[in-house]
């Protein structure tokens, strides 16, 4: 469940940046080298986002991938050890 919550949080941040840049899903898709359906599936959670997807989106929005990762109260991101 935590991973799904984190994925939704990332998608929310992408949407925030889309709004700041006043981009539609179609425009973001084109800028990222994809189409609107590609963007929609990732932002809705139908298709999990890969690191490559995050890089494409960050490039298209002219932000860092880190800008999609919300860290509350100065806490570090929790990584599970293998």
N, C-alpha and C. Protein backbone atom coordinates (compact mmCIF):
# COMPACT_ATOMS: atom_id res chain seq x y z
N UNK A 1 0.82 -1.20 0.00
CA UNK A 1 0.00 0.00 0.00
C UNK A 1 0.86 1.25 0.00
N UNK A 2 1.97 1.23 0.74
CA UNK A 2 2.83 2.41 0.81
C UNK A 2 3.39 2.78 -0.55
N UNK A 3 3.73 1.76 -1.35
CA UNK A 3 4.28 2.05 -2.67
C UNK A 3 3.24 2.72 -3.57
N UNK A 4 2.01 2.29 -3.46
CA UNK A 4 0.94 2.91 -4.26
C UNK A 4 0.74 4.36 -3.83
N UNK A 5 0.79 4.61 -2.52
CA UNK A 5 0.66 5.97 -2.01
C UNK A 5 1.80 6.85 -2.52
N UNK A 6 3.01 6.31 -2.53
CA UNK A 6 4.16 7.07 -3.01
C UNK A 6 4.02 7.36 -4.51
N UNK A 7 3.54 6.38 -5.27
CA UNK A 7 3.35 6.57 -6.70
C UNK A 7 2.31 7.65 -6.96
N UNK A 8 1.23 7.64 -6.18
CA UNK A 8 0.20 8.67 -6.34
C UNK A 8 0.74 10.04 -5.97
N UNK A 9 1.59 10.10 -4.96
CA UNK A 9 2.21 11.36 -4.56
C UNK A 9 3.09 11.90 -5.68
N UNK A 10 3.85 11.02 -6.33
CA UNK A 10 4.70 11.44 -7.45
C UNK A 10 3.82 11.94 -8.59
N UNK A 11 2.76 11.21 -8.90
CA UNK A 11 1.85 11.64 -9.97
C UNK A 11 1.24 12.99 -9.64
N UNK A 12 0.90 13.20 -8.38
CA UNK A 12 0.34 14.50 -7.97
C UNK A 12 1.35 15.61 -8.19
N UNK A 13 2.60 15.36 -7.86
CA UNK A 13 3.63 16.37 -8.06
C UNK A 13 3.85 16.67 -9.54
N UNK A 14 3.79 15.64 -10.38
CA UNK A 14 3.90 15.87 -11.82
C UNK A 14 2.75 16.76 -12.28
N UNK A 15 1.55 16.49 -11.78
CA UNK A 15 0.38 17.31 -12.15
C UNK A 15 0.55 18.75 -11.67
N UNK A 16 1.13 18.93 -10.49
CA UNK A 16 1.38 20.29 -9.99
C UNK A 16 2.32 21.02 -10.94
N UNK A 17 3.39 20.35 -11.36
CA UNK A 17 4.32 20.99 -12.30
C UNK A 17 3.68 21.24 -13.66
N UNK A 18 2.81 20.33 -14.09
CA UNK A 18 2.08 20.56 -15.34
C UNK A 18 1.25 21.83 -15.24
N UNK A 19 0.57 22.01 -14.12
CA UNK A 19 -0.25 23.21 -13.92
C UNK A 19 0.62 24.46 -13.89
N UNK A 20 1.76 24.39 -13.20
CA UNK A 20 2.66 25.55 -13.15
C UNK A 20 3.16 25.94 -14.54
N UNK A 21 3.39 24.93 -15.37
CA UNK A 21 3.88 25.18 -16.74
C UNK A 21 2.73 25.37 -17.73
N UNK A 22 1.50 25.20 -17.23
CA UNK A 22 0.30 25.32 -18.06
C UNK A 22 0.35 24.39 -19.27
N UNK A 23 0.67 23.13 -18.97
CA UNK A 23 0.77 22.11 -20.01
C UNK A 23 -0.37 21.11 -19.88
N UNK A 24 -0.91 20.70 -21.01
CA UNK A 24 -1.88 19.61 -21.03
C UNK A 24 -1.11 18.29 -21.06
N UNK A 25 -1.83 17.20 -20.88
CA UNK A 25 -1.19 15.89 -20.98
C UNK A 25 -0.62 15.68 -22.38
N UNK A 26 -1.32 16.13 -23.39
CA UNK A 26 -0.84 15.97 -24.77
C UNK A 26 0.45 16.76 -24.98
N UNK A 27 0.49 17.99 -24.48
CA UNK A 27 1.69 18.82 -24.62
C UNK A 27 2.86 18.22 -23.86
N UNK A 28 2.59 17.74 -22.64
CA UNK A 28 3.65 17.12 -21.85
C UNK A 28 4.15 15.86 -22.54
N UNK A 29 3.23 15.07 -23.06
CA UNK A 29 3.62 13.86 -23.77
C UNK A 29 4.53 14.16 -24.94
N UNK A 30 4.16 15.14 -25.75
CA UNK A 30 5.00 15.52 -26.90
C UNK A 30 6.37 15.97 -26.45
N UNK A 31 6.42 16.80 -25.41
CA UNK A 31 7.70 17.31 -24.90
C UNK A 31 8.58 16.19 -24.34
N UNK A 32 7.91 15.13 -23.85
CA UNK A 32 8.64 14.00 -23.26
C UNK A 32 8.95 12.91 -24.29
N UNK A 33 8.48 13.12 -25.52
CA UNK A 33 8.72 12.13 -26.57
C UNK A 33 7.70 11.00 -26.59
N UNK A 34 6.53 11.27 -26.06
CA UNK A 34 5.47 10.26 -25.97
C UNK A 34 4.15 10.91 -26.40
N UNK A 35 3.05 10.21 -26.15
CA UNK A 35 1.75 10.78 -26.48
C UNK A 35 0.92 10.98 -25.21
N UNK A 36 -0.27 11.53 -25.38
CA UNK A 36 -1.14 11.83 -24.25
C UNK A 36 -1.53 10.57 -23.49
N UNK A 37 -1.77 9.48 -24.20
CA UNK A 37 -2.15 8.23 -23.55
C UNK A 37 -1.05 7.73 -22.63
N UNK A 38 0.19 7.85 -23.06
CA UNK A 38 1.35 7.45 -22.24
C UNK A 38 1.33 8.22 -20.92
N UNK A 39 1.13 9.54 -21.01
CA UNK A 39 1.09 10.37 -19.81
C UNK A 39 -0.09 9.97 -18.93
N UNK A 40 -1.26 9.84 -19.51
CA UNK A 40 -2.47 9.52 -18.76
C UNK A 40 -2.33 8.21 -17.98
N UNK A 41 -1.80 7.20 -18.62
CA UNK A 41 -1.66 5.89 -17.97
C UNK A 41 -0.72 5.96 -16.76
N UNK A 42 0.31 6.77 -16.85
CA UNK A 42 1.25 6.89 -15.74
C UNK A 42 0.69 7.77 -14.62
N UNK A 43 0.04 8.85 -14.98
CA UNK A 43 -0.50 9.73 -13.94
C UNK A 43 -1.70 9.11 -13.22
N UNK A 44 -2.40 8.22 -13.89
CA UNK A 44 -3.55 7.56 -13.25
C UNK A 44 -3.14 6.32 -12.46
N UNK A 45 -1.91 5.88 -12.63
CA UNK A 45 -1.44 4.69 -11.93
C UNK A 45 -1.74 3.39 -12.66
N UNK A 46 -2.30 3.47 -13.85
CA UNK A 46 -2.59 2.26 -14.62
C UNK A 46 -1.30 1.56 -15.06
N UNK A 47 -0.27 2.36 -15.30
CA UNK A 47 1.06 1.84 -15.64
C UNK A 47 2.05 2.43 -14.65
N UNK A 48 2.83 1.59 -13.97
CA UNK A 48 3.81 2.11 -13.01
C UNK A 48 4.86 2.96 -13.72
N UNK A 49 5.29 4.02 -13.06
CA UNK A 49 6.34 4.87 -13.62
C UNK A 49 7.71 4.26 -13.35
N UNK A 50 8.51 4.23 -14.38
CA UNK A 50 9.89 3.77 -14.24
C UNK A 50 10.80 4.99 -14.02
N UNK A 51 12.04 4.71 -13.69
CA UNK A 51 13.00 5.80 -13.55
C UNK A 51 13.14 6.54 -14.88
N UNK A 52 13.14 5.79 -15.97
CA UNK A 52 13.24 6.43 -17.29
C UNK A 52 12.04 7.34 -17.55
N UNK A 53 10.85 6.89 -17.14
CA UNK A 53 9.64 7.73 -17.28
C UNK A 53 9.80 9.03 -16.50
N UNK A 54 10.28 8.92 -15.26
CA UNK A 54 10.48 10.12 -14.43
C UNK A 54 11.50 11.06 -15.07
N UNK A 55 12.54 10.50 -15.65
CA UNK A 55 13.54 11.33 -16.33
C UNK A 55 12.92 12.05 -17.53
N UNK A 56 12.12 11.33 -18.31
CA UNK A 56 11.44 11.95 -19.46
C UNK A 56 10.52 13.09 -19.01
N UNK A 57 9.75 12.83 -17.96
CA UNK A 57 8.81 13.85 -17.47
C UNK A 57 9.56 15.05 -16.89
N UNK A 58 10.60 14.79 -16.13
CA UNK A 58 11.38 15.89 -15.54
C UNK A 58 12.01 16.74 -16.64
N UNK A 59 12.56 16.10 -17.67
CA UNK A 59 13.16 16.84 -18.78
C UNK A 59 12.10 17.71 -19.46
N UNK A 60 10.93 17.12 -19.72
CA UNK A 60 9.87 17.85 -20.41
C UNK A 60 9.36 19.03 -19.59
N UNK A 61 9.38 18.89 -18.27
CA UNK A 61 8.89 19.96 -17.38
C UNK A 61 10.01 20.90 -16.93
N UNK A 62 11.24 20.60 -17.33
CA UNK A 62 12.41 21.40 -16.95
C UNK A 62 12.56 21.48 -15.43
N UNK A 63 12.48 20.31 -14.79
CA UNK A 63 12.67 20.20 -13.35
C UNK A 63 13.59 19.00 -13.09
N UNK A 64 13.97 18.83 -11.84
CA UNK A 64 14.75 17.66 -11.44
C UNK A 64 13.78 16.56 -11.02
N UNK A 65 14.17 15.31 -11.17
CA UNK A 65 13.33 14.21 -10.69
C UNK A 65 13.05 14.41 -9.20
N UNK A 66 14.01 14.92 -8.47
CA UNK A 66 13.84 15.16 -7.03
C UNK A 66 12.67 16.10 -6.75
N UNK A 67 12.32 16.94 -7.71
CA UNK A 67 11.19 17.86 -7.52
C UNK A 67 9.86 17.12 -7.46
N UNK A 68 9.83 15.86 -7.90
CA UNK A 68 8.62 15.06 -7.83
C UNK A 68 8.50 14.32 -6.49
N UNK A 69 9.57 14.31 -5.72
CA UNK A 69 9.61 13.53 -4.48
C UNK A 69 9.41 14.45 -3.30
N UNK A 70 8.29 14.31 -2.64
CA UNK A 70 7.98 15.15 -1.48
C UNK A 70 8.58 14.50 -0.24
N UNK A 71 9.26 15.31 0.53
CA UNK A 71 9.83 14.86 1.79
C UNK A 71 9.24 15.75 2.87
N UNK A 72 8.48 15.15 3.80
CA UNK A 72 7.80 15.92 4.85
C UNK A 72 8.70 16.14 6.05
N UNK A 73 8.64 17.34 6.60
CA UNK A 73 9.33 17.69 7.84
C UNK A 73 10.82 17.38 7.82
N UNK A 74 11.46 17.48 6.67
CA UNK A 74 12.89 17.27 6.60
C UNK A 74 13.32 15.82 6.73
N UNK A 75 12.37 14.90 6.76
CA UNK A 75 12.72 13.49 6.89
C UNK A 75 13.27 12.97 5.57
N UNK A 76 14.10 11.97 5.66
CA UNK A 76 14.65 11.38 4.44
C UNK A 76 13.65 10.39 3.85
N UNK A 77 13.82 10.10 2.58
CA UNK A 77 12.97 9.14 1.92
C UNK A 77 13.31 7.77 2.47
N UNK A 78 12.29 6.98 2.77
CA UNK A 78 12.49 5.66 3.37
C UNK A 78 12.73 4.62 2.28
N UNK A 79 13.93 4.07 2.24
CA UNK A 79 14.26 3.01 1.29
C UNK A 79 14.30 1.70 2.04
N UNK A 80 13.68 0.69 1.47
CA UNK A 80 13.67 -0.62 2.09
C UNK A 80 14.99 -1.32 1.78
N UNK A 81 15.63 -1.92 2.76
CA UNK A 81 16.87 -2.64 2.52
C UNK A 81 16.55 -4.02 1.95
N UNK A 82 17.45 -4.51 1.14
CA UNK A 82 17.23 -5.81 0.47
C UNK A 82 17.53 -6.96 1.38
